[in-house]
């Protein structure tokens, strides 16, 4: 399997979406106090970076 730049960006996007979902789930289900808001905010940030990686496919 050849890993070109688009394949690497696709894998990075999928990994960051998974981590973002995990962080949002931690914030929603594990931490009931104010720390949950921080976990959820970082998870949304991971989604934003994954969106940028997805937009970069084919342009870099």
C-alpha atoms as a PDB file:
ATOM      1  CA  UNK A   1       0.000   0.000   0.000  1.00  0.00           C
ATOM      2  CA  UNK A   2       1.482   3.294  -1.095  1.00  0.00           C
ATOM      3  CA  UNK A   3       1.071   6.190   1.318  1.00  0.00           C
ATOM      4  CA  UNK A   4       0.985   9.422  -0.634  1.00  0.00           C
ATOM      5  CA  UNK A   5       0.155  12.830   0.832  1.00  0.00           C
ATOM      6  CA  UNK A   6      -3.605  12.466   0.295  1.00  0.00           C
ATOM      7  CA  UNK A   7      -3.669   9.086   2.023  1.00  0.00           C
ATOM      8  CA  UNK A   8      -1.756  10.478   4.987  1.00  0.00           C
ATOM      9  CA  UNK A   9      -4.165  13.419   5.274  1.00  0.00           C
ATOM     10  CA  UNK A  10      -7.147  11.049   5.050  1.00  0.00           C
ATOM     11  CA  UNK A  11      -5.779   8.861   7.855  1.00  0.00           C
ATOM     12  CA  UNK A  12      -4.992  11.922   9.966  1.00  0.00           C
ATOM     13  CA  UNK A  13      -8.553  13.161   9.433  1.00  0.00           C
ATOM     14  CA  UNK A  14     -10.071   9.846  10.550  1.00  0.00           C
ATOM     15  CA  UNK A  15      -7.808   9.620  13.599  1.00  0.00           C
ATOM     16  CA  UNK A  16      -8.606  13.185  14.655  1.00  0.00           C
ATOM     17  CA  UNK A  17     -12.344  12.595  14.248  1.00  0.00           C
ATOM     18  CA  UNK A  18     -12.032   9.522  16.480  1.00  0.00           C
ATOM     19  CA  UNK A  19     -10.096  11.422  19.136  1.00  0.00           C
ATOM     20  CA  UNK A  20     -12.593  14.302  18.934  1.00  0.00           C
ATOM     21  CA  UNK A  21     -15.525  11.953  19.455  1.00  0.00           C
ATOM     22  CA  UNK A  22     -13.696  10.358  22.384  1.00  0.00           C
ATOM     23  CA  UNK A  23     -13.005  13.708  24.042  1.00  0.00           C
ATOM     24  CA  UNK A  24     -16.580  14.896  23.590  1.00  0.00           C
ATOM     25  CA  UNK A  25     -17.825  11.594  25.033  1.00  0.00           C
ATOM     26  CA  UNK A  26     -15.499  12.001  28.021  1.00  0.00           C
ATOM     27  CA  UNK A  27     -16.809  15.497  28.594  1.00  0.00           C
ATOM     28  CA  UNK A  28     -20.423  14.415  28.272  1.00  0.00           C
ATOM     29  CA  UNK A  29     -20.442  11.133  30.187  1.00  0.00           C
ATOM     30  CA  UNK A  30     -17.421  10.957  32.472  1.00  0.00           C
ATOM     31  CA  UNK A  31     -16.867  14.422  33.912  1.00  0.00           C
ATOM     32  CA  UNK A  32     -19.944  16.140  35.309  1.00  0.00           C
ATOM     33  CA  UNK A  33     -18.172  19.205  36.686  1.00  0.00           C
ATOM     34  CA  UNK A  34     -16.581  22.074  34.792  1.00  0.00           C
ATOM     35  CA  UNK A  35     -13.775  19.870  33.397  1.00  0.00           C
ATOM     36  CA  UNK A  36     -16.334  18.284  31.060  1.00  0.00           C
ATOM     37  CA  UNK A  37     -16.750  21.581  29.240  1.00  0.00           C
ATOM     38  CA  UNK A  38     -12.989  21.677  28.641  1.00  0.00           C
ATOM     39  CA  UNK A  39     -12.918  18.158  27.246  1.00  0.00           C
ATOM     40  CA  UNK A  40     -15.832  18.945  24.941  1.00  0.00           C
ATOM     41  CA  UNK A  41     -14.210  22.185  23.757  1.00  0.00           C
ATOM     42  CA  UNK A  42     -10.971  20.393  22.913  1.00  0.00           C
ATOM     43  CA  UNK A  43     -12.985  17.715  21.083  1.00  0.00           C
ATOM     44  CA  UNK A  44     -14.643  20.385  18.958  1.00  0.00           C
ATOM     45  CA  UNK A  45     -11.180  21.789  18.252  1.00  0.00           C
ATOM     46  CA  UNK A  46     -10.085  18.380  17.002  1.00  0.00           C
ATOM     47  CA  UNK A  47     -13.086  18.400  14.645  1.00  0.00           C
ATOM     48  CA  UNK A  48     -12.032  21.810  13.318  1.00  0.00           C
ATOM     49  CA  UNK A  49      -8.476  20.637  12.637  1.00  0.00           C
ATOM     50  CA  UNK A  50      -9.784  17.456  10.991  1.00  0.00           C
ATOM     51  CA  UNK A  51     -11.964  19.636   8.758  1.00  0.00           C
ATOM     52  CA  UNK A  52      -8.882  21.609   7.691  1.00  0.00           C
ATOM     53  CA  UNK A  53      -6.972  18.393   6.963  1.00  0.00           C
ATOM     54  CA  UNK A  54      -9.884  17.170   4.852  1.00  0.00           C
ATOM     55  CA  UNK A  55      -9.947  20.471   2.950  1.00  0.00           C
ATOM     56  CA  UNK A  56      -6.219  20.208   2.247  1.00  0.00           C
ATOM     57  CA  UNK A  57      -6.517  16.863   0.457  1.00  0.00           C
ATOM     58  CA  UNK A  58      -5.556  17.323  -3.175  1.00  0.00           C
ATOM     59  CA  UNK A  59      -4.177  20.835  -2.669  1.00  0.00           C
ATOM     60  CA  UNK A  60      -0.907  20.232  -0.852  1.00  0.00           C
END
